[in-house]
Amino acid sequence: MPAARKKNLPPVSEEALVLIASWFRTLAEPSRLKILRALEEGEKNITELVEATGLTQANVSRHVQSLVEAGMVGRRREGLTAICFIADPTITELCDNVCTNLLKRLSQQMKKLGGV
């Protein structure tokens, strides 16, 4: 039986749920997750993100724009170079929690199948 929620959260409007779903859709793209993971190591320019992710420059730029619009990544100019950084540190916590949970579930499934 799942644990009860500890916090008594207020109701969420239909409009807010649409915004929340849109925010999560931003994370549903593996290339964006690659970019976020690369930025966990520290600030990077677009060229460094291309090298870290193996994506093309056009793809990195497009996905960074989506992450900026969602408020997950920030961008500042240093001369002609755009420096990207994680703007919302809770995104790292969220990704870590999801990864930990999925690895735990995978491990449990493997045990049920007689694996590990």
C-alpha atoms as a PDB file:
ATOM      1  CA  MET A   1       0.000   0.000   0.000  1.00  0.00           C
ATOM      2  CA  PRO A   2       1.478   3.400  -0.969  1.00  0.00           C
ATOM      3  CA  ALA A   3       2.491   5.796   1.764  1.00  0.00           C
ATOM      4  CA  ALA A   4       0.113   8.666   2.442  1.00  0.00           C
ATOM      5  CA  ARG A   5       1.179  12.113   1.312  1.00  0.00           C
ATOM      6  CA  LYS A   6       2.630  14.119   4.137  1.00  0.00           C
ATOM      7  CA  LYS A   7       1.671  17.552   2.825  1.00  0.00           C
ATOM      8  CA  ASN A   8      -1.861  18.801   2.464  1.00  0.00           C
ATOM      9  CA  LEU A   9      -1.576  20.507  -0.924  1.00  0.00           C
ATOM     10  CA  PRO A  10      -4.218  22.916  -2.206  1.00  0.00           C
ATOM     11  CA  PRO A  11      -6.332  21.919  -5.212  1.00  0.00           C
ATOM     12  CA  VAL A  12      -4.789  22.635  -8.619  1.00  0.00           C
ATOM     13  CA  SER A  13      -6.775  24.410 -11.333  1.00  0.00           C
ATOM     14  CA  GLU A  14      -7.310  22.922 -14.777  1.00  0.00           C
ATOM     15  CA  GLU A  15      -5.113  25.663 -16.262  1.00  0.00           C
ATOM     16  CA  ALA A  16      -2.299  24.856 -13.842  1.00  0.00           C
ATOM     17  CA  LEU A  17      -2.531  21.148 -14.700  1.00  0.00           C
ATOM     18  CA  VAL A  18      -2.118  22.008 -18.385  1.00  0.00           C
ATOM     19  CA  LEU A  19       1.018  24.036 -17.573  1.00  0.00           C
ATOM     20  CA  ILE A  20       2.396  21.224 -15.407  1.00  0.00           C
ATOM     21  CA  ALA A  21       1.806  18.674 -18.167  1.00  0.00           C
ATOM     22  CA  SER A  22       3.556  20.946 -20.658  1.00  0.00           C
ATOM     23  CA  TRP A  23       6.549  21.274 -18.295  1.00  0.00           C
ATOM     24  CA  PHE A  24       6.817  17.495 -17.998  1.00  0.00           C
ATOM     25  CA  ARG A  25       6.526  17.117 -21.790  1.00  0.00           C
ATOM     26  CA  THR A  26       9.690  19.197 -22.024  1.00  0.00           C
ATOM     27  CA  LEU A  27      11.458  16.455 -20.057  1.00  0.00           C
ATOM     28  CA  ALA A  28      10.012  13.691 -22.236  1.00  0.00           C
ATOM     29  CA  GLU A  29      12.683  14.261 -24.905  1.00  0.00           C
ATOM     30  CA  PRO A  30      15.867  12.189 -24.335  1.00  0.00           C
ATOM     31  CA  SER A  31      18.059  14.823 -26.014  1.00  0.00           C
ATOM     32  CA  ARG A  32      16.931  17.413 -23.466  1.00  0.00           C
ATOM     33  CA  LEU A  33      17.744  15.016 -20.651  1.00  0.00           C
ATOM     34  CA  LYS A  34      21.240  14.586 -22.141  1.00  0.00           C
ATOM     35  CA  ILE A  35      21.676  18.354 -22.127  1.00  0.00           C
ATOM     36  CA  LEU A  36      20.496  18.633 -18.525  1.00  0.00           C
ATOM     37  CA  ARG A  37      22.861  15.855 -17.429  1.00  0.00           C
ATOM     38  CA  ALA A  38      25.753  17.614 -19.188  1.00  0.00           C
ATOM     39  CA  LEU A  39      24.884  20.883 -17.443  1.00  0.00           C
ATOM     40  CA  GLU A  40      24.888  19.166 -14.050  1.00  0.00           C
ATOM     41  CA  GLU A  41      28.688  19.164 -14.430  1.00  0.00           C
ATOM     42  CA  GLY A  42      28.676  22.961 -14.757  1.00  0.00           C
ATOM     43  CA  GLU A  43      28.049  25.757 -17.223  1.00  0.00           C
ATOM     44  CA  LYS A  44      28.706  25.024 -20.878  1.00  0.00           C
ATOM     45  CA  ASN A  45      28.496  26.863 -24.157  1.00  0.00           C
ATOM     46  CA  ILE A  46      26.670  25.361 -27.137  1.00  0.00           C
ATOM     47  CA  THR A  47      29.865  23.880 -28.612  1.00  0.00           C
ATOM     48  CA  GLU A  48      30.669  22.160 -25.313  1.00  0.00           C
ATOM     49  CA  LEU A  49      27.110  20.804 -25.142  1.00  0.00           C
ATOM     50  CA  VAL A  50      27.479  19.438 -28.671  1.00  0.00           C
ATOM     51  CA  GLU A  51      30.671  17.645 -27.602  1.00  0.00           C
ATOM     52  CA  ALA A  52      29.147  16.381 -24.340  1.00  0.00           C
ATOM     53  CA  THR A  53      25.928  15.070 -25.888  1.00  0.00           C
ATOM     54  CA  GLY A  54      26.913  13.989 -29.394  1.00  0.00           C
ATOM     55  CA  LEU A  55      23.989  15.987 -30.797  1.00  0.00           C
ATOM     56  CA  THR A  56      24.272  18.402 -33.683  1.00  0.00           C
ATOM     57  CA  GLN A  57      24.652  22.114 -33.040  1.00  0.00           C
ATOM     58  CA  ALA A  58      21.187  22.764 -34.496  1.00  0.00           C
ATOM     59  CA  ASN A  59      19.599  20.148 -32.210  1.00  0.00           C
ATOM     60  CA  VAL A  60      21.390  21.428 -29.115  1.00  0.00           C
ATOM     61  CA  SER A  61      20.314  25.004 -29.859  1.00  0.00           C
ATOM     62  CA  ARG A  62      16.697  23.963 -30.439  1.00  0.00           C
ATOM     63  CA  HIS A  63      16.504  21.846 -27.292  1.00  0.00           C
ATOM     64  CA  VAL A  64      18.263  24.458 -25.163  1.00  0.00           C
ATOM     65  CA  GLN A  65      15.628  26.955 -26.319  1.00  0.00           C
ATOM     66  CA  SER A  66      12.856  24.617 -25.140  1.00  0.00           C
ATOM     67  CA  LEU A  67      14.592  24.148 -21.787  1.00  0.00           C
ATOM     68  CA  VAL A  68      15.025  27.923 -21.428  1.00  0.00           C
ATOM     69  CA  GLU A  69      11.341  28.515 -22.217  1.00  0.00           C
ATOM     70  CA  ALA A  70      10.402  25.959 -19.530  1.00  0.00           C
ATOM     71  CA  GLY A  71      12.611  27.774 -17.009  1.00  0.00           C
ATOM     72  CA  MET A  72      14.861  24.756 -16.478  1.00  0.00           C
ATOM     73  CA  VAL A  73      17.954  26.194 -18.160  1.00  0.00           C
ATOM     74  CA  GLY A  74      19.289  29.723 -18.207  1.00  0.00           C
ATOM     75  CA  ARG A  75      21.437  31.349 -20.840  1.00  0.00           C
ATOM     76  CA  ARG A  76      23.680  34.376 -20.736  1.00  0.00           C
ATOM     77  CA  ARG A  77      25.941  36.009 -23.297  1.00  0.00           C
ATOM     78  CA  GLU A  78      29.688  36.340 -22.940  1.00  0.00           C
ATOM     79  CA  GLY A  79      30.680  38.200 -26.078  1.00  0.00           C
ATOM     80  CA  LEU A  80      29.402  36.133 -28.990  1.00  0.00           C
ATOM     81  CA  THR A  81      29.107  32.962 -26.900  1.00  0.00           C
ATOM     82  CA  ALA A  82      25.928  31.759 -25.182  1.00  0.00           C
ATOM     83  CA  ILE A  83      26.676  30.149 -21.815  1.00  0.00           C
ATOM     84  CA  CYS A  84      24.030  27.694 -20.586  1.00  0.00           C
ATOM     85  CA  PHE A  85      23.412  26.677 -16.999  1.00  0.00           C
ATOM     86  CA  ILE A  86      20.770  24.949 -14.895  1.00  0.00           C
ATOM     87  CA  ALA A  87      18.409  27.723 -13.813  1.00  0.00           C
ATOM     88  CA  ASP A  88      16.184  25.576 -11.596  1.00  0.00           C
ATOM     89  CA  PRO A  89      18.219  23.342  -9.273  1.00  0.00           C
ATOM     90  CA  THR A  90      15.101  21.334  -8.396  1.00  0.00           C
ATOM     91  CA  ILE A  91      15.253  19.832 -11.904  1.00  0.00           C
ATOM     92  CA  THR A  92      18.425  17.979 -10.895  1.00  0.00           C
ATOM     93  CA  GLU A  93      16.713  16.621  -7.785  1.00  0.00           C
ATOM     94  CA  LEU A  94      13.707  15.542  -9.834  1.00  0.00           C
ATOM     95  CA  CYS A  95      15.857  13.721 -12.398  1.00  0.00           C
ATOM     96  CA  ASP A  96      17.888  12.049  -9.638  1.00  0.00           C
ATOM     97  CA  ASN A  97      14.705  10.909  -7.874  1.00  0.00           C
ATOM     98  CA  VAL A  98      13.219   9.501 -11.069  1.00  0.00           C
ATOM     99  CA  CYS A  99      16.463   7.704 -12.006  1.00  0.00           C
ATOM    100  CA  THR A 100      16.824   6.240  -8.514  1.00  0.00           C
ATOM    101  CA  ASN A 101      13.207   5.070  -8.526  1.00  0.00           C
ATOM    102  CA  LEU A 102      13.495   3.497 -11.986  1.00  0.00           C
ATOM    103  CA  LEU A 103      16.731   1.693 -11.105  1.00  0.00           C
ATOM    104  CA  LYS A 104      15.113   0.366  -7.942  1.00  0.00           C
ATOM    105  CA  ARG A 105      12.072  -0.869  -9.886  1.00  0.00           C
ATOM    106  CA  LEU A 106      14.288  -2.462 -12.535  1.00  0.00           C
ATOM    107  CA  SER A 107      16.298  -4.234  -9.860  1.00  0.00           C
ATOM    108  CA  GLN A 108      13.102  -5.564  -8.264  1.00  0.00           C
ATOM    109  CA  GLN A 109      11.845  -6.801 -11.637  1.00  0.00           C
ATOM    110  CA  MET A 110      15.154  -8.556 -12.304  1.00  0.00           C
ATOM    111  CA  LYS A 111      14.932 -10.324  -8.935  1.00  0.00           C
ATOM    112  CA  LYS A 112      11.400 -11.487  -9.737  1.00  0.00           C
ATOM    113  CA  LEU A 113      12.619 -12.887 -13.047  1.00  0.00           C
ATOM    114  CA  GLY A 114      15.403 -14.776 -11.300  1.00  0.00           C
ATOM    115  CA  GLY A 115      18.108 -12.422 -12.465  1.00  0.00           C
ATOM    116  CA  VAL A 116      20.513 -10.500 -10.257  1.00  0.00           C
END
